[in-house]
Amino acid sequence: MYFYFTSSFPAVLKINGIVFGEITNQIKFINIDGDLPLIEVCPLIPTENYRAFFLNDNFLSTPPEYLSITDLQGGYLIKVYSQFLSPTLKVLQQKKFFNITCTIYNENGYKLSIESQNDFFIDNIYFEFNSSKIDYVNINGCNFICIYFSGEKNYLFLYSVDNKIECKFNKEVFSYEINQNFSTFEKFSDIAKHSVKTFYTFNNNEFIQQKREIFYSDSYTKETLNEKIIPYAFLEEFFIGGDYEFFLSDKIKENKDSLFSFFGNFIGVCPPPLFRNYDEIGLIYKESYNKYKVNYFTFTLENGKISNLVKS
């Protein structure tokens, strides 16, 4: 079976007691033979724990919280997350608003707690950050604790606090605005270098997208893309809700509405791994908190337009 390993921290990878080198954010590809191999992740820094697990069906279908698994249809990608261990309790930030106290701290891993007169909420934080900002905000007449984590990646969380404390918004964003309206700004490392500003309203106990404004890199010219790149550009444009029809033949345009059910709710686009066909393109789907899968599609082009698409 084919496996890709990656880790949020430097570690030594051992398989059945044999050292296979160091793993970090760079992906390591290994073809593992035999049944139920024992995997050991030995951290090279003191703030992480040793991890060990058997690659059995139960592990691959229900991974533990400290890692994620992506089913690549013929292999798996396993990413080990940092735990950011601390020998003592360390409060990183705390703010009080009226009768609400919000605390970000490290107690054998980053954690968040929110306490009000009506409820108490606690959760783990599984990503690294350099700083955090905590605010008390009102959106469409409802009150929220707003937490923005800044680091290599930036994350925005909104927790409703009027009654039961619940996370109502959680997303990686570049920046955000909360004044008369609530909006987020995202940047994508895709072919067009898309930037997207999204406006939300809070209604029926959930955030609902109202509109999007889409921006492109000044150097991006969709009319001159290489044909091998066109399917990727189309999928990325479809994902962000842009002008994806530009890449379609007239025949496919007639049935464009069926593309939403055909592709489903994917969260990313990727090239095929080594063990898949070179002309397949992967779409990534989230199945649970730390479980993902990839489905593959092939595209046929005529005169620079997509004339047919098939799910593998």
C-alpha atoms as a PDB file:
ATOM      1  CA  MET A   1       0.000   0.000   0.000  1.00  0.00           C
ATOM      2  CA  TYR A   2       1.195   3.509  -0.813  1.00  0.00           C
ATOM      3  CA  PHE A   3       1.498   6.082   1.969  1.00  0.00           C
ATOM      4  CA  TYR A   4       2.494   9.731   2.171  1.00  0.00           C
ATOM      5  CA  PHE A   5       3.638  11.024   5.562  1.00  0.00           C
ATOM      6  CA  THR A   6       3.984  14.619   6.702  1.00  0.00           C
ATOM      7  CA  SER A   7       4.331  16.249  10.107  1.00  0.00           C
ATOM      8  CA  SER A   8       3.779  19.702  11.593  1.00  0.00           C
ATOM      9  CA  PHE A   9       6.993  19.244  13.606  1.00  0.00           C
ATOM     10  CA  PRO A  10      10.372  17.581  12.862  1.00  0.00           C
ATOM     11  CA  ALA A  11      10.330  13.889  13.720  1.00  0.00           C
ATOM     12  CA  VAL A  12      11.918  10.558  12.835  1.00  0.00           C
ATOM     13  CA  LEU A  13       9.621   8.056  11.108  1.00  0.00           C
ATOM     14  CA  LYS A  14      10.010   4.362  11.993  1.00  0.00           C
ATOM     15  CA  ILE A  15       8.119   1.497  10.369  1.00  0.00           C
ATOM     16  CA  ASN A  16       8.241  -1.879  12.133  1.00  0.00           C
ATOM     17  CA  GLY A  17      11.277  -0.640  14.042  1.00  0.00           C
ATOM     18  CA  ILE A  18      13.199   0.483  10.935  1.00  0.00           C
ATOM     19  CA  VAL A  19      14.120   4.153  10.559  1.00  0.00           C
ATOM     20  CA  PHE A  20      12.819   5.717   7.318  1.00  0.00           C
ATOM     21  CA  GLY A  21      14.321   9.141   7.872  1.00  0.00           C
ATOM     22  CA  GLU A  22      12.978  12.491   9.037  1.00  0.00           C
ATOM     23  CA  ILE A  23       9.518  13.856   8.299  1.00  0.00           C
ATOM     24  CA  THR A  24       8.479  17.513   8.442  1.00  0.00           C
ATOM     25  CA  ASN A  25       6.128  19.611   6.313  1.00  0.00           C
ATOM     26  CA  GLN A  26       7.768  18.018   3.270  1.00  0.00           C
ATOM     27  CA  ILE A  27       5.840  14.919   2.186  1.00  0.00           C
ATOM     28  CA  LYS A  28       7.628  11.545   2.370  1.00  0.00           C
ATOM     29  CA  PHE A  29       6.369   8.816  -0.001  1.00  0.00           C
ATOM     30  CA  ILE A  30       6.694   5.159   1.104  1.00  0.00           C
ATOM     31  CA  ASN A  31       5.341   1.897  -0.313  1.00  0.00           C
ATOM     32  CA  ILE A  32       4.678  -0.317   2.733  1.00  0.00           C
ATOM     33  CA  ASP A  33       4.385  -4.075   2.277  1.00  0.00           C
ATOM     34  CA  GLY A  34       2.914  -6.502   4.808  1.00  0.00           C
ATOM     35  CA  ASP A  35      -0.056  -6.457   7.171  1.00  0.00           C
ATOM     36  CA  LEU A  36      -0.592  -4.158  10.160  1.00  0.00           C
ATOM     37  CA  PRO A  37       2.721  -2.249  10.094  1.00  0.00           C
ATOM     38  CA  LEU A  38       3.636  -0.433  13.315  1.00  0.00           C
ATOM     39  CA  ILE A  39       4.271   3.263  12.687  1.00  0.00           C
ATOM     40  CA  GLU A  40       6.314   5.295  15.175  1.00  0.00           C
ATOM     41  CA  VAL A  41       6.696   9.076  15.046  1.00  0.00           C
ATOM     42  CA  CYS A  42       9.623  10.104  17.245  1.00  0.00           C
ATOM     43  CA  PRO A  43       9.711  13.900  17.767  1.00  0.00           C
ATOM     44  CA  LEU A  44      12.995  15.781  17.509  1.00  0.00           C
ATOM     45  CA  ILE A  45      11.774  18.654  19.720  1.00  0.00           C
ATOM     46  CA  PRO A  46      10.752  18.495  23.418  1.00  0.00           C
ATOM     47  CA  THR A  47       7.297  20.073  22.991  1.00  0.00           C
ATOM     48  CA  GLU A  48       5.850  17.022  21.210  1.00  0.00           C
ATOM     49  CA  ASN A  49       4.915  13.507  22.280  1.00  0.00           C
ATOM     50  CA  TYR A  50       6.008  10.191  20.812  1.00  0.00           C
ATOM     51  CA  ARG A  51       3.195   8.660  18.720  1.00  0.00           C
ATOM     52  CA  ALA A  52       2.693   5.052  17.662  1.00  0.00           C
ATOM     53  CA  PHE A  53      -0.127   3.310  15.810  1.00  0.00           C
ATOM     54  CA  PHE A  54      -0.935   0.297  13.638  1.00  0.00           C
ATOM     55  CA  LEU A  55      -2.069   0.985  10.078  1.00  0.00           C
ATOM     56  CA  ASN A  56      -5.208  -1.139  10.316  1.00  0.00           C
ATOM     57  CA  ASP A  57      -8.683  -0.532   8.881  1.00  0.00           C
ATOM     58  CA  ASN A  58     -10.026   0.895  12.133  1.00  0.00           C
ATOM     59  CA  PHE A  59      -7.195   3.438  12.362  1.00  0.00           C
ATOM     60  CA  LEU A  60      -7.586   4.508   8.716  1.00  0.00           C
ATOM     61  CA  SER A  61     -11.366   4.938   9.020  1.00  0.00           C
ATOM     62  CA  THR A  62     -11.407   6.682  12.446  1.00  0.00           C
ATOM     63  CA  PRO A  63      -8.079   8.465  12.989  1.00  0.00           C
ATOM     64  CA  PRO A  64      -7.190   9.912  16.417  1.00  0.00           C
ATOM     65  CA  GLU A  65      -7.371  13.652  17.035  1.00  0.00           C
ATOM     66  CA  TYR A  66      -3.619  14.230  16.721  1.00  0.00           C
ATOM     67  CA  LEU A  67      -3.474  13.477  13.000  1.00  0.00           C
ATOM     68  CA  SER A  68      -5.518  13.557   9.784  1.00  0.00           C
ATOM     69  CA  ILE A  69      -5.923  10.931   7.087  1.00  0.00           C
ATOM     70  CA  THR A  70      -6.748  11.500   3.431  1.00  0.00           C
ATOM     71  CA  ASP A  71      -7.921   8.503   1.397  1.00  0.00           C
ATOM     72  CA  LEU A  72      -6.204   8.884  -1.975  1.00  0.00           C
ATOM     73  CA  GLN A  73      -8.048   5.924  -3.551  1.00  0.00           C
ATOM     74  CA  GLY A  74      -5.113   3.514  -3.709  1.00  0.00           C
ATOM     75  CA  GLY A  75      -3.076   5.029  -0.899  1.00  0.00           C
ATOM     76  CA  TYR A  76      -3.255   7.406   2.058  1.00  0.00           C
ATOM     77  CA  LEU A  77      -1.830  10.728   3.154  1.00  0.00           C
ATOM     78  CA  ILE A  78      -1.169  10.851   6.910  1.00  0.00           C
ATOM     79  CA  LYS A  79      -0.446  14.218   8.522  1.00  0.00           C
ATOM     80  CA  VAL A  80       0.642  14.357  12.172  1.00  0.00           C
ATOM     81  CA  TYR A  81      -0.351  17.509  14.050  1.00  0.00           C
ATOM     82  CA  SER A  82       1.604  19.376  16.705  1.00  0.00           C
ATOM     83  CA  GLN A  83       0.444  19.189  20.328  1.00  0.00           C
ATOM     84  CA  PHE A  84       2.495  22.194  21.555  1.00  0.00           C
ATOM     85  CA  LEU A  85       3.122  20.670  24.983  1.00  0.00           C
ATOM     86  CA  SER A  86       3.988  22.869  27.943  1.00  0.00           C
ATOM     87  CA  PRO A  87       5.307  21.557  31.301  1.00  0.00           C
ATOM     88  CA  THR A  88       3.197  24.092  33.226  1.00  0.00           C
ATOM     89  CA  LEU A  89      -0.086  25.909  32.726  1.00  0.00           C
ATOM     90  CA  LYS A  90       0.580  29.087  30.777  1.00  0.00           C
ATOM     91  CA  VAL A  91      -2.092  31.702  30.090  1.00  0.00           C
ATOM     92  CA  LEU A  92      -1.415  33.279  26.686  1.00  0.00           C
ATOM     93  CA  GLN A  93      -4.276  35.772  26.638  1.00  0.00           C
ATOM     94  CA  GLN A  94      -7.388  36.490  28.670  1.00  0.00           C
ATOM     95  CA  LYS A  95     -10.176  39.018  28.212  1.00  0.00           C
ATOM     96  CA  LYS A  96     -13.346  39.760  30.147  1.00  0.00           C
ATOM     97  CA  PHE A  97     -16.480  41.291  28.632  1.00  0.00           C
ATOM     98  CA  PHE A  98     -19.439  41.975  30.928  1.00  0.00           C
ATOM     99  CA  ASN A  99     -20.149  38.506  32.385  1.00  0.00           C
ATOM    100  CA  ILE A 100     -18.008  36.578  29.851  1.00  0.00           C
ATOM    101  CA  THR A 101     -14.397  35.469  30.288  1.00  0.00           C
ATOM    102  CA  CYS A 102     -12.361  34.173  27.345  1.00  0.00           C
ATOM    103  CA  THR A 103      -8.952  32.539  27.924  1.00  0.00           C
ATOM    104  CA  ILE A 104      -6.359  31.153  25.521  1.00  0.00           C
ATOM    105  CA  TYR A 105      -3.796  29.018  27.323  1.00  0.00           C
ATOM    106  CA  ASN A 106      -1.364  26.115  27.057  1.00  0.00           C
ATOM    107  CA  GLU A 107      -1.933  23.101  29.264  1.00  0.00           C
ATOM    108  CA  ASN A 108      -0.317  20.169  27.455  1.00  0.00           C
ATOM    109  CA  GLY A 109      -1.466  21.791  24.221  1.00  0.00           C
ATOM    110  CA  TYR A 110      -3.155  25.017  23.174  1.00  0.00           C
ATOM    111  CA  LYS A 111      -6.691  25.397  24.508  1.00  0.00           C
ATOM    112  CA  LEU A 112      -9.511  27.901  24.523  1.00  0.00           C
ATOM    113  CA  SER A 113     -12.137  28.415  27.211  1.00  0.00           C
ATOM    114  CA  ILE A 114     -15.178  30.705  27.239  1.00  0.00           C
ATOM    115  CA  GLU A 115     -17.233  31.098  30.407  1.00  0.00           C
ATOM    116  CA  SER A 116     -20.511  32.964  30.888  1.00  0.00           C
ATOM    117  CA  GLN A 117     -23.297  32.941  33.473  1.00  0.00           C
ATOM    118  CA  ASN A 118     -25.178  30.417  31.346  1.00  0.00           C
ATOM    119  CA  ASP A 119     -22.523  28.088  29.984  1.00  0.00           C
ATOM    120  CA  PHE A 120     -18.886  26.954  29.883  1.00  0.00           C
ATOM    121  CA  PHE A 121     -17.051  26.016  26.689  1.00  0.00           C
ATOM    122  CA  ILE A 122     -13.590  24.511  26.162  1.00  0.00           C
ATOM    123  CA  ASP A 123     -11.828  23.361  23.006  1.00  0.00           C
ATOM    124  CA  ASN A 124      -8.391  22.344  21.736  1.00  0.00           C
ATOM    125  CA  ILE A 125      -6.390  24.417  19.239  1.00  0.00           C
ATOM    126  CA  TYR A 126      -4.463  22.269  16.777  1.00  0.00           C
ATOM    127  CA  PHE A 127      -2.523  24.915  14.841  1.00  0.00           C
ATOM    128  CA  GLU A 128       0.444  27.157  15.559  1.00  0.00           C
ATOM    129  CA  PHE A 129      -0.061  30.902  15.930  1.00  0.00           C
ATOM    130  CA  ASN A 130       2.090  33.900  16.814  1.00  0.00           C
ATOM    131  CA  SER A 131      -0.596  36.127  18.314  1.00  0.00           C
ATOM    132  CA  SER A 132      -4.324  36.246  18.970  1.00  0.00           C
ATOM    133  CA  LYS A 133      -6.971  38.964  19.158  1.00  0.00           C
ATOM    134  CA  ILE A 134     -10.164  38.605  21.218  1.00  0.00           C
ATOM    135  CA  ASP A 135     -13.184  40.888  20.747  1.00  0.00           C
ATOM    136  CA  TYR A 136     -16.823  41.042  21.782  1.00  0.00           C
ATOM    137  CA  VAL A 137     -18.945  41.857  18.726  1.00  0.00           C
ATOM    138  CA  ASN A 138     -22.564  42.182  17.685  1.00  0.00           C
ATOM    139  CA  ILE A 139     -23.683  40.909  14.281  1.00  0.00           C
ATOM    140  CA  ASN A 140     -27.315  41.269  13.216  1.00  0.00           C
ATOM    141  CA  GLY A 141     -28.429  41.692  16.814  1.00  0.00           C
ATOM    142  CA  CYS A 142     -26.566  38.624  18.158  1.00  0.00           C
ATOM    143  CA  ASN A 143     -23.487  38.698  20.411  1.00  0.00           C
ATOM    144  CA  PHE A 144     -20.280  36.819  19.674  1.00  0.00           C
ATOM    145  CA  ILE A 145     -16.788  36.298  20.997  1.00  0.00           C
ATOM    146  CA  CYS A 146     -14.539  36.914  17.990  1.00  0.00           C
ATOM    147  CA  ILE A 147     -11.051  35.351  18.041  1.00  0.00           C
ATOM    148  CA  TYR A 148      -8.488  35.939  15.300  1.00  0.00           C
ATOM    149  CA  PHE A 149      -5.288  33.868  15.324  1.00  0.00           C
ATOM    150  CA  SER A 150      -2.329  35.249  13.360  1.00  0.00           C
ATOM    151  CA  GLY A 151       0.569  33.115  12.168  1.00  0.00           C
ATOM    152  CA  GLU A 152       1.778  31.341   9.047  1.00  0.00           C
ATOM    153  CA  LYS A 153      -1.950  30.914   8.450  1.00  0.00           C
ATOM    154  CA  ASN A 154      -4.668  33.108   9.957  1.00  0.00           C
ATOM    155  CA  TYR A 155      -7.879  31.697  11.435  1.00  0.00           C
ATOM    156  CA  LEU A 156     -11.107  33.433  12.448  1.00  0.00           C
ATOM    157  CA  PHE A 157     -13.554  31.981  15.001  1.00  0.00           C
ATOM    158  CA  LEU A 158     -16.943  33.372  16.065  1.00  0.00           C
ATOM    159  CA  TYR A 159     -18.671  31.917  19.153  1.00  0.00           C
ATOM    160  CA  SER A 160     -22.286  32.784  19.947  1.00  0.00           C
ATOM    161  CA  VAL A 161     -22.628  33.687  23.648  1.00  0.00           C
ATOM    162  CA  ASP A 162     -26.229  34.862  24.143  1.00  0.00           C
ATOM    163  CA  ASN A 163     -27.315  31.451  25.475  1.00  0.00           C
ATOM    164  CA  LYS A 164     -25.407  28.222  24.862  1.00  0.00           C
ATOM    165  CA  ILE A 165     -21.827  28.904  23.760  1.00  0.00           C
ATOM    166  CA  GLU A 166     -21.306  27.485  20.277  1.00  0.00           C
ATOM    167  CA  CYS A 167     -18.812  27.974  17.455  1.00  0.00           C
ATOM    168  CA  LYS A 168     -20.777  29.432  14.541  1.00  0.00           C
ATOM    169  CA  PHE A 169     -17.910  30.384  12.228  1.00  0.00           C
ATOM    170  CA  ASN A 170     -14.474  28.848  11.756  1.00  0.00           C
ATOM    171  CA  LYS A 171     -12.358  29.576   8.706  1.00  0.00           C
ATOM    172  CA  GLU A 172      -8.858  30.309   7.487  1.00  0.00           C
ATOM    173  CA  VAL A 173      -8.908  33.904   6.248  1.00  0.00           C
ATOM    174  CA  PHE A 174      -6.371  36.570   5.355  1.00  0.00           C
ATOM    175  CA  SER A 175      -8.310  39.342   7.115  1.00  0.00           C
ATOM    176  CA  TYR A 176     -11.835  40.303   8.154  1.00  0.00           C
ATOM    177  CA  GLU A 177     -14.089  43.272   8.956  1.00  0.00           C
ATOM    178  CA  ILE A 178     -16.898  43.560  11.503  1.00  0.00           C
ATOM    179  CA  ASN A 179     -18.658  46.925  11.607  1.00  0.00           C
ATOM    180  CA  GLN A 180     -22.071  47.440  10.025  1.00  0.00           C
ATOM    181  CA  ASN A 181     -21.457  44.215   8.096  1.00  0.00           C
ATOM    182  CA  PHE A 182     -19.354  41.083   8.542  1.00  0.00           C
ATOM    183  CA  SER A 183     -16.951  40.193   5.743  1.00  0.00           C
ATOM    184  CA  THR A 184     -13.825  38.096   5.236  1.00  0.00           C
ATOM    185  CA  PHE A 185     -10.961  38.417   2.763  1.00  0.00           C
ATOM    186  CA  GLU A 186      -9.216  35.277   1.465  1.00  0.00           C
ATOM    187  CA  LYS A 187      -6.160  34.803  -0.715  1.00  0.00           C
ATOM    188  CA  PHE A 188      -5.613  31.623  -2.734  1.00  0.00           C
ATOM    189  CA  SER A 189      -2.344  30.178  -4.029  1.00  0.00           C
ATOM    190  CA  ASP A 190      -3.943  28.958  -7.245  1.00  0.00           C
ATOM    191  CA  ILE A 191      -3.325  29.623 -10.933  1.00  0.00           C
ATOM    192  CA  ALA A 192      -5.229  32.920 -11.011  1.00  0.00           C
ATOM    193  CA  LYS A 193      -4.014  33.988  -7.536  1.00  0.00           C
ATOM    194  CA  HIS A 194      -7.633  34.613  -6.605  1.00  0.00           C
ATOM    195  CA  SER A 195      -8.623  36.939  -3.794  1.00  0.00           C
ATOM    196  CA  VAL A 196     -12.190  36.771  -2.516  1.00  0.00           C
ATOM    197  CA  LYS A 197     -14.141  39.135  -0.279  1.00  0.00           C
ATOM    198  CA  THR A 198     -17.234  37.458   1.174  1.00  0.00           C
ATOM    199  CA  PHE A 199     -20.100  39.212   2.952  1.00  0.00           C
ATOM    200  CA  TYR A 200     -22.198  37.331   5.531  1.00  0.00           C
ATOM    201  CA  THR A 201     -25.395  37.820   7.486  1.00  0.00           C
ATOM    202  CA  PHE A 202     -26.419  35.908  10.620  1.00  0.00           C
ATOM    203  CA  ASN A 203     -29.924  34.484  10.305  1.00  0.00           C
ATOM    204  CA  ASN A 204     -31.743  31.441  11.754  1.00  0.00           C
ATOM    205  CA  ASN A 205     -28.783  30.725  14.037  1.00  0.00           C
ATOM    206  CA  GLU A 206     -26.222  30.437  11.221  1.00  0.00           C
ATOM    207  CA  PHE A 207     -24.010  32.588   9.029  1.00  0.00           C
ATOM    208  CA  ILE A 208     -25.307  32.865   5.485  1.00  0.00           C
ATOM    209  CA  GLN A 209     -23.250  34.118   2.567  1.00  0.00           C
ATOM    210  CA  GLN A 210     -24.794  37.190   0.928  1.00  0.00           C
ATOM    211  CA  LYS A 211     -22.375  38.033  -1.872  1.00  0.00           C
ATOM    212  CA  ARG A 212     -18.773  37.636  -3.040  1.00  0.00           C
ATOM    213  CA  GLU A 213     -16.337  39.928  -4.774  1.00  0.00           C
ATOM    214  CA  ILE A 214     -13.633  38.092  -6.744  1.00  0.00           C
ATOM    215  CA  PHE A 215     -10.258  39.523  -7.728  1.00  0.00           C
ATOM    216  CA  TYR A 216      -7.450  38.181  -9.940  1.00  0.00           C
ATOM    217  CA  SER A 217      -3.720  38.637 -10.291  1.00  0.00           C
ATOM    218  CA  ASP A 218      -2.830  41.383 -12.787  1.00  0.00           C
ATOM    219  CA  SER A 219      -0.612  38.887 -14.638  1.00  0.00           C
ATOM    220  CA  TYR A 220      -3.357  36.253 -15.039  1.00  0.00           C
ATOM    221  CA  THR A 221      -4.682  35.803 -18.585  1.00  0.00           C
ATOM    222  CA  LYS A 222      -7.120  32.920 -18.934  1.00  0.00           C
ATOM    223  CA  GLU A 223      -7.197  33.203 -22.738  1.00  0.00           C
ATOM    224  CA  THR A 224      -3.555  32.066 -23.070  1.00  0.00           C
ATOM    225  CA  LEU A 225      -3.468  29.143 -20.615  1.00  0.00           C
ATOM    226  CA  ASN A 226      -1.828  25.891 -21.701  1.00  0.00           C
ATOM    227  CA  GLU A 227      -4.452  23.198 -22.396  1.00  0.00           C
ATOM    228  CA  LYS A 228      -2.955  20.963 -19.702  1.00  0.00           C
ATOM    229  CA  ILE A 229      -3.653  23.703 -17.151  1.00  0.00           C
ATOM    230  CA  ILE A 230      -7.206  24.529 -18.266  1.00  0.00           C
ATOM    231  CA  PRO A 231      -8.982  21.787 -16.214  1.00  0.00           C
ATOM    232  CA  TYR A 232      -7.203  22.977 -13.056  1.00  0.00           C
ATOM    233  CA  ALA A 233      -8.039  26.609 -13.794  1.00  0.00           C
ATOM    234  CA  PHE A 234     -11.672  25.640 -14.419  1.00  0.00           C
ATOM    235  CA  LEU A 235     -11.978  23.720 -11.125  1.00  0.00           C
ATOM    236  CA  GLU A 236     -10.351  26.519  -9.140  1.00  0.00           C
ATOM    237  CA  GLU A 237     -12.683  29.044 -10.767  1.00  0.00           C
ATOM    238  CA  PHE A 238     -15.682  26.795 -10.076  1.00  0.00           C
ATOM    239  CA  PHE A 239     -14.618  26.413  -6.442  1.00  0.00           C
ATOM    240  CA  ILE A 240     -14.490  30.133  -5.712  1.00  0.00           C
ATOM    241  CA  GLY A 241     -17.670  30.854  -7.692  1.00  0.00           C
ATOM    242  CA  GLY A 242     -16.055  32.808 -10.504  1.00  0.00           C
ATOM    243  CA  ASP A 243     -16.514  32.820 -14.270  1.00  0.00           C
ATOM    244  CA  TYR A 244     -16.012  29.081 -14.765  1.00  0.00           C
ATOM    245  CA  GLU A 245     -18.265  29.019 -17.866  1.00  0.00           C
ATOM    246  CA  PHE A 246     -15.427  30.574 -19.869  1.00  0.00           C
ATOM    247  CA  PHE A 247     -13.670  27.180 -19.889  1.00  0.00           C
ATOM    248  CA  LEU A 248     -16.703  25.143 -21.041  1.00  0.00           C
ATOM    249  CA  SER A 249     -17.872  24.176 -24.510  1.00  0.00           C
ATOM    250  CA  ASP A 250     -21.391  25.175 -25.530  1.00  0.00           C
ATOM    251  CA  LYS A 251     -22.585  21.601 -24.978  1.00  0.00           C
ATOM    252  CA  ILE A 252     -21.362  21.503 -21.371  1.00  0.00           C
ATOM    253  CA  LYS A 253     -22.727  25.002 -20.704  1.00  0.00           C
ATOM    254  CA  GLU A 254     -26.220  23.724 -21.471  1.00  0.00           C
ATOM    255  CA  ASN A 255     -25.957  21.422 -18.449  1.00  0.00           C
ATOM    256  CA  LYS A 256     -23.856  23.668 -16.196  1.00  0.00           C
ATOM    257  CA  ASP A 257     -26.315  23.499 -13.289  1.00  0.00           C
ATOM    258  CA  SER A 258     -25.742  19.738 -12.961  1.00  0.00           C
ATOM    259  CA  LEU A 259     -22.034  20.356 -12.301  1.00  0.00           C
ATOM    260  CA  PHE A 260     -22.765  21.282  -8.669  1.00  0.00           C
ATOM    261  CA  SER A 261     -24.193  17.842  -7.884  1.00  0.00           C
ATOM    262  CA  PHE A 262     -21.631  16.147 -10.163  1.00  0.00           C
ATOM    263  CA  PHE A 263     -18.626  17.558  -8.297  1.00  0.00           C
ATOM    264  CA  GLY A 264     -20.229  17.834  -4.862  1.00  0.00           C
ATOM    265  CA  ASN A 265     -18.929  19.962  -2.008  1.00  0.00           C
ATOM    266  CA  PHE A 266     -15.166  19.737  -2.540  1.00  0.00           C
ATOM    267  CA  ILE A 267     -12.684  21.843  -0.557  1.00  0.00           C
ATOM    268  CA  GLY A 268      -9.620  21.763  -2.807  1.00  0.00           C
ATOM    269  CA  VAL A 269      -7.978  20.657  -6.055  1.00  0.00           C
ATOM    270  CA  CYS A 270      -4.832  18.513  -6.321  1.00  0.00           C
ATOM    271  CA  PRO A 271      -2.721  16.726  -8.955  1.00  0.00           C
ATOM    272  CA  PRO A 272      -2.820  12.914  -8.968  1.00  0.00           C
ATOM    273  CA  PRO A 273      -0.397  10.974  -6.732  1.00  0.00           C
ATOM    274  CA  LEU A 274       2.237   8.729  -8.301  1.00  0.00           C
ATOM    275  CA  PHE A 275       0.022   5.631  -8.297  1.00  0.00           C
ATOM    276  CA  ARG A 276      -2.892   7.255 -10.198  1.00  0.00           C
ATOM    277  CA  ASN A 277      -3.189   8.041 -13.912  1.00  0.00           C
ATOM    278  CA  TYR A 278      -1.316  11.189 -14.932  1.00  0.00           C
ATOM    279  CA  ASP A 279      -4.374  12.749 -16.615  1.00  0.00           C
ATOM    280  CA  GLU A 280      -6.614  12.505 -13.539  1.00  0.00           C
ATOM    281  CA  ILE A 281      -7.296  15.559 -11.374  1.00  0.00           C
ATOM    282  CA  GLY A 282      -8.175  15.136  -7.710  1.00  0.00           C
ATOM    283  CA  LEU A 283     -10.909  16.909  -5.775  1.00  0.00           C
ATOM    284  CA  ILE A 284     -10.585  16.869  -1.999  1.00  0.00           C
ATOM    285  CA  TYR A 285     -13.623  16.283   0.233  1.00  0.00           C
ATOM    286  CA  LYS A 286     -13.943  16.571   4.000  1.00  0.00           C
ATOM    287  CA  GLU A 287     -15.681  13.605   5.626  1.00  0.00           C
ATOM    288  CA  SER A 288     -15.152  14.517   9.295  1.00  0.00           C
ATOM    289  CA  TYR A 289     -12.923  16.692  11.491  1.00  0.00           C
ATOM    290  CA  ASN A 290      -9.709  14.886  10.486  1.00  0.00           C
ATOM    291  CA  LYS A 291     -10.801  12.499   7.719  1.00  0.00           C
ATOM    292  CA  TYR A 292     -10.667  13.402   4.030  1.00  0.00           C
ATOM    293  CA  LYS A 293     -10.952  11.667   0.680  1.00  0.00           C
ATOM    294  CA  VAL A 294      -9.994  12.418  -2.917  1.00  0.00           C
ATOM    295  CA  ASN A 295     -12.122  11.654  -5.980  1.00  0.00           C
ATOM    296  CA  TYR A 296     -10.614  11.860  -9.455  1.00  0.00           C
ATOM    297  CA  PHE A 297     -11.911  13.307 -12.706  1.00  0.00           C
ATOM    298  CA  THR A 298     -10.648  13.364 -16.293  1.00  0.00           C
ATOM    299  CA  PHE A 299     -11.328  16.081 -18.865  1.00  0.00           C
ATOM    300  CA  THR A 300     -11.501  16.173 -22.654  1.00  0.00           C
ATOM    301  CA  LEU A 301     -10.811  19.453 -24.476  1.00  0.00           C
ATOM    302  CA  GLU A 302     -11.744  20.643 -27.949  1.00  0.00           C
ATOM    303  CA  ASN A 303     -10.467  23.977 -29.264  1.00  0.00           C
ATOM    304  CA  GLY A 304      -9.344  24.984 -25.781  1.00  0.00           C
ATOM    305  CA  LYS A 305     -12.739  24.304 -24.154  1.00  0.00           C
ATOM    306  CA  ILE A 306     -13.825  21.425 -21.896  1.00  0.00           C
ATOM    307  CA  SER A 307     -16.084  19.202 -24.009  1.00  0.00           C
ATOM    308  CA  ASN A 308     -16.419  16.220 -21.673  1.00  0.00           C
ATOM    309  CA  LEU A 309     -15.678  15.324 -18.044  1.00  0.00           C
ATOM    310  CA  VAL A 310     -15.804  11.933 -16.371  1.00  0.00           C
ATOM    311  CA  LYS A 311     -15.511  10.788 -12.770  1.00  0.00           C
ATOM    312  CA  SER A 312     -12.930   8.007 -12.478  1.00  0.00           C
END
